[in-house]
Amino acid sequence: MRPCAGLRADGAFRQSLAVTEWRIDARSGLTPAQYRDVVRLQTECETSEGLDLKLELARANAISSPDTFLAFSAAQLVGYCGIKDGHEAEVCGMVDPAERRRGIGTSLLERALEAVAGGDKTSVLVICEDASPVALEWMRRRGATQDQSELRMVLKLEGSPSSPVGATPRLKRATGGDRAELVRLLSDGFPEAEAFIQKRLAKQHAEEETLMTYEGETLVGTTRLETTARRTMIYGFVIDRALRGQGHGGSMMQAILGRLRDRGVTEVGLEVEPENVAAVRLYRRCGFRVVTTYRYMRLAL
């Protein structure tokens, strides 16, 4: 998200300019029409700068706190900022290339920071890309420091799937009865408290599907698939710690990719820390390639 500022006590922001007037609206997720508008703006921003924005767009939810901020010039959407709240509060956004350097990006960020500050967080992670050095420099000027980085890797699903190594795993959609095993696997594989994992599992929406993977009767791992406007994303890919290093990751990934091919999915994405060498190697073997690097910039509230 680019620098761009101001605020009104009633929750709506309005800025008068010599050429145009814009406002910022706070919402709990996006309606279907707003979702389409944000995706169109995302496409424009990515095409303009060669980005692959990490926007996790929330659907409208009347009972949630505001987590989505939209900037409008008249009726035209010109900016977006969203909060993903969990173990950490993550913020990512964008501004129409033709509307930058007018304070819109800064104002979107300030609204997001204000919303996060109303909870129990003392900082946020603002997600920038290496392909946008201006955004990274903006964060550094505001006092942010890099907390971590992630590679986004993408695979075009073309041709026939590779044959999995070893036994062919069985994929089963998770149910409420699998909750305890899911929490065990995910809390062991990721640095999140069990309470946050439980909360996220309880909030899954229609675009998400959590899968349990079995080889024979043995539970070997789990993953979550999420359908976005551009591609299907693989999240929470984890193998039971006791079974790692035995080839289960490769066979599980090939089973997942086969399932997606059968559904007509043409592009798949995932994210992985560069330091997780074994995982990066596995994903490369499966055909994934790096398309961008995300920098998570920690900004104090």
C-alpha atoms as a PDB file:
ATOM      1  CA  MET A   1       0.000   0.000   0.000  1.00  0.00           C
ATOM      2  CA  ARG A   2       1.305   3.434  -0.902  1.00  0.00           C
ATOM      3  CA  PRO A   3       1.507   6.577   1.221  1.00  0.00           C
ATOM      4  CA  CYS A   4      -1.395   8.590   0.765  1.00  0.00           C
ATOM      5  CA  ALA A   5      -4.379  10.964   5.445  1.00  0.00           C
ATOM      6  CA  GLY A   6      -7.214  12.395   7.964  1.00  0.00           C
ATOM      7  CA  LEU A   7     -10.239  11.280   9.890  1.00  0.00           C
ATOM      8  CA  ARG A   8     -13.671  12.307  11.045  1.00  0.00           C
ATOM      9  CA  ALA A   9     -15.151  11.499  14.438  1.00  0.00           C
ATOM     10  CA  ASP A  10     -18.323   9.977  12.982  1.00  0.00           C
ATOM     11  CA  GLY A  11     -16.338   7.136  11.375  1.00  0.00           C
ATOM     12  CA  ALA A  12     -16.512   8.437   7.821  1.00  0.00           C
ATOM     13  CA  PHE A  13     -13.483  10.144   6.330  1.00  0.00           C
ATOM     14  CA  ARG A  14     -13.800  12.864   3.736  1.00  0.00           C
ATOM     15  CA  GLN A  15     -11.052  14.889   2.056  1.00  0.00           C
ATOM     16  CA  SER A  16     -11.641  17.784  -0.326  1.00  0.00           C
ATOM     17  CA  LEU A  17      -9.100  18.302  -3.080  1.00  0.00           C
ATOM     18  CA  ALA A  18      -8.702  20.767  -5.898  1.00  0.00           C
ATOM     19  CA  VAL A  19      -9.572  18.104  -8.462  1.00  0.00           C
ATOM     20  CA  THR A  20     -11.645  15.492  -6.658  1.00  0.00           C
ATOM     21  CA  GLU A  21     -13.232  14.517  -3.354  1.00  0.00           C
ATOM     22  CA  TRP A  22     -12.824  11.156  -1.707  1.00  0.00           C
ATOM     23  CA  ARG A  23     -14.075   9.359   1.375  1.00  0.00           C
ATOM     24  CA  ILE A  24     -13.226   6.204   3.322  1.00  0.00           C
ATOM     25  CA  ASP A  25     -15.924   3.806   4.525  1.00  0.00           C
ATOM     26  CA  ALA A  26     -15.359   1.195   7.242  1.00  0.00           C
ATOM     27  CA  ARG A  27     -17.120  -2.133   6.798  1.00  0.00           C
ATOM     28  CA  SER A  28     -17.255  -5.670   8.164  1.00  0.00           C
ATOM     29  CA  GLY A  29     -16.253  -7.552   5.038  1.00  0.00           C
ATOM     30  CA  LEU A  30     -17.419  -7.059   1.463  1.00  0.00           C
ATOM     31  CA  THR A  31     -20.727  -7.523  -0.296  1.00  0.00           C
ATOM     32  CA  PRO A  32     -20.574  -9.522  -3.576  1.00  0.00           C
ATOM     33  CA  ALA A  33     -20.592  -6.287  -5.625  1.00  0.00           C
ATOM     34  CA  GLN A  34     -17.843  -4.733  -3.499  1.00  0.00           C
ATOM     35  CA  TYR A  35     -15.826  -7.929  -3.738  1.00  0.00           C
ATOM     36  CA  ARG A  36     -15.930  -7.706  -7.540  1.00  0.00           C
ATOM     37  CA  ASP A  37     -14.908  -4.038  -7.451  1.00  0.00           C
ATOM     38  CA  VAL A  38     -11.958  -4.758  -5.162  1.00  0.00           C
ATOM     39  CA  VAL A  39     -10.813  -7.598  -7.422  1.00  0.00           C
ATOM     40  CA  ARG A  40     -10.965  -5.270 -10.429  1.00  0.00           C
ATOM     41  CA  LEU A  41      -8.870  -2.691  -8.588  1.00  0.00           C
ATOM     42  CA  GLN A  42      -6.437  -5.419  -7.514  1.00  0.00           C
ATOM     43  CA  THR A  43      -5.977  -6.461 -11.132  1.00  0.00           C
ATOM     44  CA  GLU A  44      -5.238  -2.860 -12.151  1.00  0.00           C
ATOM     45  CA  CYS A  45      -2.682  -2.378  -9.369  1.00  0.00           C
ATOM     46  CA  GLU A  46      -0.942  -5.696 -10.002  1.00  0.00           C
ATOM     47  CA  THR A  47      -0.785  -5.169 -13.749  1.00  0.00           C
ATOM     48  CA  SER A  48       0.584  -1.651 -13.288  1.00  0.00           C
ATOM     49  CA  GLU A  49       3.468  -2.687 -11.012  1.00  0.00           C
ATOM     50  CA  GLY A  50       4.005  -6.406 -11.455  1.00  0.00           C
ATOM     51  CA  LEU A  51       2.676  -7.231  -7.990  1.00  0.00           C
ATOM     52  CA  ASP A  52       0.892 -10.238  -6.508  1.00  0.00           C
ATOM     53  CA  LEU A  53      -0.944  -8.565  -3.638  1.00  0.00           C
ATOM     54  CA  LYS A  54      -1.629 -10.579  -0.500  1.00  0.00           C
ATOM     55  CA  LEU A  55      -5.239  -9.479  -0.080  1.00  0.00           C
ATOM     56  CA  GLU A  56      -7.380 -11.884   1.920  1.00  0.00           C
ATOM     57  CA  LEU A  57     -10.803 -10.442   1.180  1.00  0.00           C
ATOM     58  CA  ALA A  58     -13.429 -11.004   3.855  1.00  0.00           C
ATOM     59  CA  ARG A  59     -17.082 -11.564   3.011  1.00  0.00           C
ATOM     60  CA  ALA A  60     -19.714  -9.326   4.599  1.00  0.00           C
ATOM     61  CA  ASN A  61     -20.414 -10.263   8.220  1.00  0.00           C
ATOM     62  CA  ALA A  62     -22.825  -8.155  10.238  1.00  0.00           C
ATOM     63  CA  ILE A  63     -21.518  -9.375  13.618  1.00  0.00           C
ATOM     64  CA  SER A  64     -17.807  -8.736  13.008  1.00  0.00           C
ATOM     65  CA  SER A  65     -15.896  -5.594  13.919  1.00  0.00           C
ATOM     66  CA  PRO A  66     -14.853  -3.371  10.987  1.00  0.00           C
ATOM     67  CA  ASP A  67     -11.985  -5.075   9.157  1.00  0.00           C
ATOM     68  CA  THR A  68     -12.362  -3.616   5.658  1.00  0.00           C
ATOM     69  CA  PHE A  69     -11.790  -0.012   4.567  1.00  0.00           C
ATOM     70  CA  LEU A  70     -12.790   1.271   1.139  1.00  0.00           C
ATOM     71  CA  ALA A  71     -11.773   4.587  -0.412  1.00  0.00           C
ATOM     72  CA  PHE A  72     -14.151   6.154  -2.946  1.00  0.00           C
ATOM     73  CA  SER A  73     -13.799   9.111  -5.271  1.00  0.00           C
ATOM     74  CA  ALA A  74     -17.438   9.916  -5.983  1.00  0.00           C
ATOM     75  CA  ALA A  75     -18.846   6.413  -6.605  1.00  0.00           C
ATOM     76  CA  GLN A  76     -15.555   4.999  -7.909  1.00  0.00           C
ATOM     77  CA  LEU A  77     -13.533   2.630  -5.700  1.00  0.00           C
ATOM     78  CA  VAL A  78      -9.949   3.951  -5.578  1.00  0.00           C
ATOM     79  CA  GLY A  79      -8.468   2.210  -2.536  1.00  0.00           C
ATOM     80  CA  TYR A  80      -8.772  -0.766  -0.219  1.00  0.00           C
ATOM     81  CA  CYS A  81      -7.251  -1.882   3.069  1.00  0.00           C
ATOM     82  CA  GLY A  82      -8.076  -5.049   5.000  1.00  0.00           C
ATOM     83  CA  ILE A  83      -7.199  -6.490   8.409  1.00  0.00           C
ATOM     84  CA  LYS A  84      -6.636 -10.189   8.980  1.00  0.00           C
ATOM     85  CA  ASP A  85      -6.956 -10.666  12.727  1.00  0.00           C
ATOM     86  CA  GLY A  86      -5.482 -13.714  14.410  1.00  0.00           C
ATOM     87  CA  HIS A  87      -2.354 -14.525  16.371  1.00  0.00           C
ATOM     88  CA  GLU A  88      -1.054 -11.318  14.764  1.00  0.00           C
ATOM     89  CA  ALA A  89      -3.004  -8.493  13.129  1.00  0.00           C
ATOM     90  CA  GLU A  90      -1.976  -8.303   9.451  1.00  0.00           C
ATOM     91  CA  VAL A  91      -2.776  -5.347   7.202  1.00  0.00           C
ATOM     92  CA  CYS A  92      -2.531  -5.127   3.413  1.00  0.00           C
ATOM     93  CA  GLY A  93      -3.998  -2.674   0.941  1.00  0.00           C
ATOM     94  CA  MET A  94      -3.729  -0.789  -2.337  1.00  0.00           C
ATOM     95  CA  VAL A  95      -4.555   2.496  -4.053  1.00  0.00           C
ATOM     96  CA  ASP A  96      -5.518   3.069  -7.681  1.00  0.00           C
ATOM     97  CA  PRO A  97      -2.286   4.033  -9.520  1.00  0.00           C
ATOM     98  CA  ALA A  98      -4.013   7.150 -10.900  1.00  0.00           C
ATOM     99  CA  GLU A  99      -5.063   8.320  -7.405  1.00  0.00           C
ATOM    100  CA  ARG A 100      -1.778   8.069  -5.505  1.00  0.00           C
ATOM    101  CA  ARG A 101       0.134  10.829  -3.695  1.00  0.00           C
ATOM    102  CA  ARG A 102      -3.143  12.303  -2.463  1.00  0.00           C
ATOM    103  CA  GLY A 103      -3.173  10.912   1.073  1.00  0.00           C
ATOM    104  CA  ILE A 104      -5.537   8.002   0.380  1.00  0.00           C
ATOM    105  CA  GLY A 105      -3.107   5.216   1.319  1.00  0.00           C
ATOM    106  CA  THR A 106      -2.078   6.895   4.563  1.00  0.00           C
ATOM    107  CA  SER A 107      -5.712   7.443   5.507  1.00  0.00           C
ATOM    108  CA  LEU A 108      -6.599   3.805   4.813  1.00  0.00           C
ATOM    109  CA  LEU A 109      -3.691   2.658   6.960  1.00  0.00           C
ATOM    110  CA  GLU A 110      -4.624   5.036   9.790  1.00  0.00           C
ATOM    111  CA  ARG A 111      -8.187   3.701   9.820  1.00  0.00           C
ATOM    112  CA  ALA A 112      -6.877   0.134   9.997  1.00  0.00           C
ATOM    113  CA  LEU A 113      -4.442   1.001  12.799  1.00  0.00           C
ATOM    114  CA  GLU A 114      -7.230   2.696  14.714  1.00  0.00           C
ATOM    115  CA  ALA A 115      -9.393  -0.428  14.424  1.00  0.00           C
ATOM    116  CA  VAL A 116      -6.601  -2.733  15.608  1.00  0.00           C
ATOM    117  CA  ALA A 117      -5.725  -0.392  18.496  1.00  0.00           C
ATOM    118  CA  GLY A 118      -9.228  -0.926  19.848  1.00  0.00           C
ATOM    119  CA  GLY A 119      -8.309  -4.527  20.718  1.00  0.00           C
ATOM    120  CA  ASP A 120      -5.468  -6.134  22.644  1.00  0.00           C
ATOM    121  CA  LYS A 121      -2.707  -5.749  20.023  1.00  0.00           C
ATOM    122  CA  THR A 122       0.302  -3.470  20.462  1.00  0.00           C
ATOM    123  CA  SER A 123       1.502  -3.679  16.859  1.00  0.00           C
ATOM    124  CA  VAL A 124       0.459  -4.738  13.375  1.00  0.00           C
ATOM    125  CA  LEU A 125       2.225  -6.452  10.492  1.00  0.00           C
ATOM    126  CA  VAL A 126       1.932  -4.421   7.301  1.00  0.00           C
ATOM    127  CA  ILE A 127       2.536  -6.640   4.262  1.00  0.00           C
ATOM    128  CA  CYS A 128       4.683  -5.162   1.486  1.00  0.00           C
ATOM    129  CA  GLU A 129       6.362  -6.697  -1.562  1.00  0.00           C
ATOM    130  CA  ASP A 130       9.901  -6.512  -2.836  1.00  0.00           C
ATOM    131  CA  ALA A 131       8.393  -5.367  -6.138  1.00  0.00           C
ATOM    132  CA  SER A 132       7.139  -2.203  -4.393  1.00  0.00           C
ATOM    133  CA  PRO A 133      10.238  -0.583  -2.831  1.00  0.00           C
ATOM    134  CA  VAL A 134       8.331   2.694  -2.331  1.00  0.00           C
ATOM    135  CA  ALA A 135       5.907   0.947   0.051  1.00  0.00           C
ATOM    136  CA  LEU A 136       8.791  -0.660   1.950  1.00  0.00           C
ATOM    137  CA  GLU A 137      10.546   2.689   2.312  1.00  0.00           C
ATOM    138  CA  TRP A 138       7.280   4.267   3.471  1.00  0.00           C
ATOM    139  CA  MET A 139       7.014   1.700   6.257  1.00  0.00           C
ATOM    140  CA  ARG A 140      10.631   2.248   7.312  1.00  0.00           C
ATOM    141  CA  ARG A 141      10.032   6.000   7.515  1.00  0.00           C
ATOM    142  CA  ARG A 142       7.126   5.293   9.850  1.00  0.00           C
ATOM    143  CA  GLY A 143       9.446   3.277  12.098  1.00  0.00           C
ATOM    144  CA  ALA A 144       8.435  -0.227  10.986  1.00  0.00           C
ATOM    145  CA  THR A 145      10.983  -3.042  11.062  1.00  0.00           C
ATOM    146  CA  GLN A 146      10.936  -6.314   9.173  1.00  0.00           C
ATOM    147  CA  ASP A 147       9.521  -9.144  11.274  1.00  0.00           C
ATOM    148  CA  GLN A 148       9.545 -11.989   8.747  1.00  0.00           C
ATOM    149  CA  SER A 149       9.290 -12.734   5.055  1.00  0.00           C
ATOM    150  CA  GLU A 150       7.370 -15.217   2.912  1.00  0.00           C
ATOM    151  CA  LEU A 151       7.628 -16.509  -0.606  1.00  0.00           C
ATOM    152  CA  ARG A 152       4.475 -16.758  -2.653  1.00  0.00           C
ATOM    153  CA  MET A 153       4.757 -19.761  -4.939  1.00  0.00           C
ATOM    154  CA  VAL A 154       2.356 -20.514  -7.789  1.00  0.00           C
ATOM    155  CA  LEU A 155       1.691 -23.558  -9.950  1.00  0.00           C
ATOM    156  CA  LYS A 156      -0.189 -23.629 -13.252  1.00  0.00           C
ATOM    157  CA  LEU A 157      -2.154 -26.869 -13.353  1.00  0.00           C
ATOM    158  CA  GLU A 158      -1.464 -28.122 -16.852  1.00  0.00           C
ATOM    159  CA  GLY A 159      -1.218 -31.651 -18.197  1.00  0.00           C
ATOM    160  CA  SER A 160      -1.503 -34.810 -16.137  1.00  0.00           C
ATOM    161  CA  PRO A 161      -0.545 -34.981 -12.465  1.00  0.00           C
ATOM    162  CA  SER A 162       2.691 -36.698 -11.485  1.00  0.00           C
ATOM    163  CA  SER A 163       2.350 -40.103  -9.908  1.00  0.00           C
ATOM    164  CA  PRO A 164       2.633 -39.816  -6.113  1.00  0.00           C
ATOM    165  CA  VAL A 165       5.538 -41.580  -4.439  1.00  0.00           C
ATOM    166  CA  GLY A 166       4.510 -44.467  -2.181  1.00  0.00           C
ATOM    167  CA  ALA A 167       0.956 -45.155  -1.052  1.00  0.00           C
ATOM    168  CA  THR A 168      -1.841 -43.082  -2.533  1.00  0.00           C
ATOM    169  CA  PRO A 169      -3.292 -40.983   0.302  1.00  0.00           C
ATOM    170  CA  ARG A 170      -6.986 -40.562   0.976  1.00  0.00           C
ATOM    171  CA  LEU A 171      -8.384 -37.042   1.381  1.00  0.00           C
ATOM    172  CA  LYS A 172     -11.370 -36.498   3.642  1.00  0.00           C
ATOM    173  CA  ARG A 173     -13.179 -33.255   4.306  1.00  0.00           C
ATOM    174  CA  ALA A 174     -12.821 -32.376   7.988  1.00  0.00           C
ATOM    175  CA  THR A 175     -15.903 -32.395  10.205  1.00  0.00           C
ATOM    176  CA  GLY A 176     -16.579 -31.219  13.731  1.00  0.00           C
ATOM    177  CA  GLY A 177     -15.398 -34.575  15.027  1.00  0.00           C
ATOM    178  CA  ASP A 178     -11.919 -33.897  13.611  1.00  0.00           C
ATOM    179  CA  ARG A 179     -11.440 -30.660  15.562  1.00  0.00           C
ATOM    180  CA  ALA A 180      -9.140 -32.080  18.246  1.00  0.00           C
ATOM    181  CA  GLU A 181      -6.805 -33.709  15.710  1.00  0.00           C
ATOM    182  CA  LEU A 182      -6.773 -30.565  13.577  1.00  0.00           C
ATOM    183  CA  VAL A 183      -5.793 -28.407  16.538  1.00  0.00           C
ATOM    184  CA  ARG A 184      -3.049 -30.870  17.456  1.00  0.00           C
ATOM    185  CA  LEU A 185      -1.553 -30.895  13.961  1.00  0.00           C
ATOM    186  CA  LEU A 186      -1.807 -27.160  13.381  1.00  0.00           C
ATOM    187  CA  SER A 187      -0.507 -26.079  16.784  1.00  0.00           C
ATOM    188  CA  ASP A 188       2.460 -28.405  16.309  1.00  0.00           C
ATOM    189  CA  GLY A 189       3.158 -27.148  12.795  1.00  0.00           C
ATOM    190  CA  PHE A 190       2.646 -23.396  13.248  1.00  0.00           C
ATOM    191  CA  PRO A 191       3.498 -20.889  16.002  1.00  0.00           C
ATOM    192  CA  GLU A 192      -0.098 -20.089  16.868  1.00  0.00           C
ATOM    193  CA  ALA A 193      -1.833 -20.553  20.189  1.00  0.00           C
ATOM    194  CA  GLU A 194      -4.525 -23.218  20.269  1.00  0.00           C
ATOM    195  CA  ALA A 195      -7.152 -20.566  21.080  1.00  0.00           C
ATOM    196  CA  PHE A 196      -6.472 -18.749  17.787  1.00  0.00           C
ATOM    197  CA  ILE A 197      -6.577 -22.017  15.846  1.00  0.00           C
ATOM    198  CA  GLN A 198      -9.907 -22.923  17.442  1.00  0.00           C
ATOM    199  CA  LYS A 199     -11.264 -19.475  16.592  1.00  0.00           C
ATOM    200  CA  ARG A 200     -10.185 -19.706  12.957  1.00  0.00           C
ATOM    201  CA  LEU A 201     -11.641 -23.205  12.547  1.00  0.00           C
ATOM    202  CA  ALA A 202     -14.958 -21.979  13.921  1.00  0.00           C
ATOM    203  CA  LYS A 203     -15.062 -19.077  11.414  1.00  0.00           C
ATOM    204  CA  GLN A 204     -14.437 -21.023   8.190  1.00  0.00           C
ATOM    205  CA  HIS A 205     -16.600 -19.827   5.306  1.00  0.00           C
ATOM    206  CA  ALA A 206     -17.996 -21.311   2.105  1.00  0.00           C
ATOM    207  CA  GLU A 207     -14.827 -20.610   0.080  1.00  0.00           C
ATOM    208  CA  GLU A 208     -12.723 -22.761   2.447  1.00  0.00           C
ATOM    209  CA  GLU A 209     -12.297 -26.503   2.703  1.00  0.00           C
ATOM    210  CA  THR A 210     -10.182 -28.250   5.348  1.00  0.00           C
ATOM    211  CA  LEU A 211      -8.893 -31.686   4.394  1.00  0.00           C
ATOM    212  CA  MET A 212      -7.573 -34.541   6.512  1.00  0.00           C
ATOM    213  CA  THR A 213      -5.093 -36.840   4.741  1.00  0.00           C
ATOM    214  CA  TYR A 214      -4.844 -40.544   5.537  1.00  0.00           C
ATOM    215  CA  GLU A 215      -2.527 -43.290   4.333  1.00  0.00           C
ATOM    216  CA  GLY A 216      -4.341 -46.448   5.219  1.00  0.00           C
ATOM    217  CA  GLU A 217      -5.880 -45.712   8.607  1.00  0.00           C
ATOM    218  CA  THR A 218      -3.070 -43.370   9.647  1.00  0.00           C
ATOM    219  CA  LEU A 219      -3.703 -39.636   9.767  1.00  0.00           C
ATOM    220  CA  VAL A 220      -0.618 -38.083   8.177  1.00  0.00           C
ATOM    221  CA  GLY A 221      -1.529 -34.419   7.764  1.00  0.00           C
ATOM    222  CA  THR A 222      -3.980 -31.677   6.991  1.00  0.00           C
ATOM    223  CA  THR A 223      -4.351 -28.633   4.749  1.00  0.00           C
ATOM    224  CA  ARG A 224      -6.875 -25.909   3.985  1.00  0.00           C
ATOM    225  CA  LEU A 225      -7.963 -24.913   0.476  1.00  0.00           C
ATOM    226  CA  GLU A 226      -9.390 -21.470  -0.176  1.00  0.00           C
ATOM    227  CA  THR A 227     -10.952 -20.320  -3.432  1.00  0.00           C
ATOM    228  CA  THR A 228     -10.068 -16.751  -4.420  1.00  0.00           C
ATOM    229  CA  ALA A 229     -10.904 -14.682  -7.490  1.00  0.00           C
ATOM    230  CA  ARG A 230      -7.623 -15.608  -9.166  1.00  0.00           C
ATOM    231  CA  ARG A 231      -6.569 -19.033  -7.869  1.00  0.00           C
ATOM    232  CA  THR A 232      -7.020 -21.683  -5.218  1.00  0.00           C
ATOM    233  CA  MET A 233      -4.709 -21.137  -2.250  1.00  0.00           C
ATOM    234  CA  ILE A 234      -3.205 -23.890  -0.108  1.00  0.00           C
ATOM    235  CA  TYR A 235      -2.868 -22.924   3.567  1.00  0.00           C
ATOM    236  CA  GLY A 236      -1.987 -24.811   6.723  1.00  0.00           C
ATOM    237  CA  PHE A 237      -0.152 -27.611   4.893  1.00  0.00           C
ATOM    238  CA  VAL A 238       1.301 -29.713   7.695  1.00  0.00           C
ATOM    239  CA  ILE A 239       2.480 -33.302   8.167  1.00  0.00           C
ATOM    240  CA  ASP A 240       2.311 -35.021  11.549  1.00  0.00           C
ATOM    241  CA  ARG A 241       5.688 -34.422  13.188  1.00  0.00           C
ATOM    242  CA  ALA A 242       6.191 -38.146  13.875  1.00  0.00           C
ATOM    243  CA  LEU A 243       5.802 -38.931  10.141  1.00  0.00           C
ATOM    244  CA  ARG A 244       7.954 -36.216   8.569  1.00  0.00           C
ATOM    245  CA  GLY A 245      10.846 -37.092   6.289  1.00  0.00           C
ATOM    246  CA  GLN A 246       9.126 -40.224   4.976  1.00  0.00           C
ATOM    247  CA  GLY A 247       7.726 -38.888   1.690  1.00  0.00           C
ATOM    248  CA  HIS A 248       4.228 -38.181   2.972  1.00  0.00           C
ATOM    249  CA  GLY A 249       4.440 -34.492   2.026  1.00  0.00           C
ATOM    250  CA  GLY A 250       4.991 -35.233  -1.666  1.00  0.00           C
ATOM    251  CA  SER A 251       2.220 -37.814  -1.910  1.00  0.00           C
ATOM    252  CA  MET A 252      -0.184 -35.595   0.019  1.00  0.00           C
ATOM    253  CA  MET A 253       0.534 -32.616  -2.248  1.00  0.00           C
ATOM    254  CA  GLN A 254       0.060 -34.684  -5.406  1.00  0.00           C
ATOM    255  CA  ALA A 255      -3.278 -35.963  -4.082  1.00  0.00           C
ATOM    256  CA  ILE A 256      -4.388 -32.383  -3.392  1.00  0.00           C
ATOM    257  CA  LEU A 257      -3.315 -31.195  -6.852  1.00  0.00           C
ATOM    258  CA  GLY A 258      -5.146 -34.127  -8.445  1.00  0.00           C
ATOM    259  CA  ARG A 259      -8.299 -33.181  -6.549  1.00  0.00           C
ATOM    260  CA  LEU A 260      -8.021 -29.585  -7.774  1.00  0.00           C
ATOM    261  CA  ARG A 261      -7.412 -30.661 -11.383  1.00  0.00           C
ATOM    262  CA  ASP A 262     -10.546 -32.775 -11.240  1.00  0.00           C
ATOM    263  CA  ARG A 263     -12.451 -29.655 -10.214  1.00  0.00           C
ATOM    264  CA  GLY A 264     -11.125 -27.651 -13.147  1.00  0.00           C
ATOM    265  CA  VAL A 265      -8.765 -25.451 -11.098  1.00  0.00           C
ATOM    266  CA  THR A 266      -6.037 -23.998 -13.328  1.00  0.00           C
ATOM    267  CA  GLU A 267      -3.813 -22.154 -10.848  1.00  0.00           C
ATOM    268  CA  VAL A 268      -2.738 -22.909  -7.283  1.00  0.00           C
ATOM    269  CA  GLY A 269      -0.780 -20.776  -4.837  1.00  0.00           C
ATOM    270  CA  LEU A 270       0.791 -21.096  -1.403  1.00  0.00           C
ATOM    271  CA  GLU A 271       3.119 -19.207   0.937  1.00  0.00           C
ATOM    272  CA  VAL A 272       6.217 -20.453   2.720  1.00  0.00           C
ATOM    273  CA  GLU A 273       9.036 -18.951   4.757  1.00  0.00           C
ATOM    274  CA  PRO A 274      12.321 -18.924   2.808  1.00  0.00           C
ATOM    275  CA  GLU A 275      14.052 -20.507   5.815  1.00  0.00           C
ATOM    276  CA  ASN A 276      11.829 -23.584   5.555  1.00  0.00           C
ATOM    277  CA  VAL A 277      14.221 -25.179   3.076  1.00  0.00           C
ATOM    278  CA  ALA A 278      12.613 -28.622   3.137  1.00  0.00           C
ATOM    279  CA  ALA A 279       9.163 -27.212   2.326  1.00  0.00           C
ATOM    280  CA  VAL A 280      10.482 -24.953  -0.441  1.00  0.00           C
ATOM    281  CA  ARG A 281      12.296 -27.930  -1.963  1.00  0.00           C
ATOM    282  CA  LEU A 282       9.112 -30.028  -1.817  1.00  0.00           C
ATOM    283  CA  TYR A 283       7.011 -27.346  -3.487  1.00  0.00           C
ATOM    284  CA  ARG A 284       9.586 -26.811  -6.229  1.00  0.00           C
ATOM    285  CA  ARG A 285       9.588 -30.552  -6.923  1.00  0.00           C
ATOM    286  CA  CYS A 286       5.814 -30.363  -7.326  1.00  0.00           C
ATOM    287  CA  GLY A 287       6.209 -27.592  -9.918  1.00  0.00           C
ATOM    288  CA  PHE A 288       5.609 -24.427  -7.874  1.00  0.00           C
ATOM    289  CA  ARG A 289       7.669 -21.320  -8.698  1.00  0.00           C
ATOM    290  CA  VAL A 290       8.311 -18.160  -6.702  1.00  0.00           C
ATOM    291  CA  VAL A 291       6.380 -15.122  -8.004  1.00  0.00           C
ATOM    292  CA  THR A 292       7.030 -12.608  -5.202  1.00  0.00           C
ATOM    293  CA  THR A 293       8.464 -12.100  -1.732  1.00  0.00           C
ATOM    294  CA  TYR A 294       6.354 -10.558   1.025  1.00  0.00           C
ATOM    295  CA  ARG A 295       7.963  -8.502   3.782  1.00  0.00           C
ATOM    296  CA  TYR A 296       5.985  -8.363   7.027  1.00  0.00           C
ATOM    297  CA  MET A 297       6.816  -4.962   8.497  1.00  0.00           C
ATOM    298  CA  ARG A 298       6.031  -4.637  12.208  1.00  0.00           C
ATOM    299  CA  LEU A 299       4.535  -1.254  13.021  1.00  0.00           C
ATOM    300  CA  ALA A 300       3.880  -0.247  16.622  1.00  0.00           C
ATOM    301  CA  LEU A 301       0.458   1.177  17.413  1.00  0.00           C
END
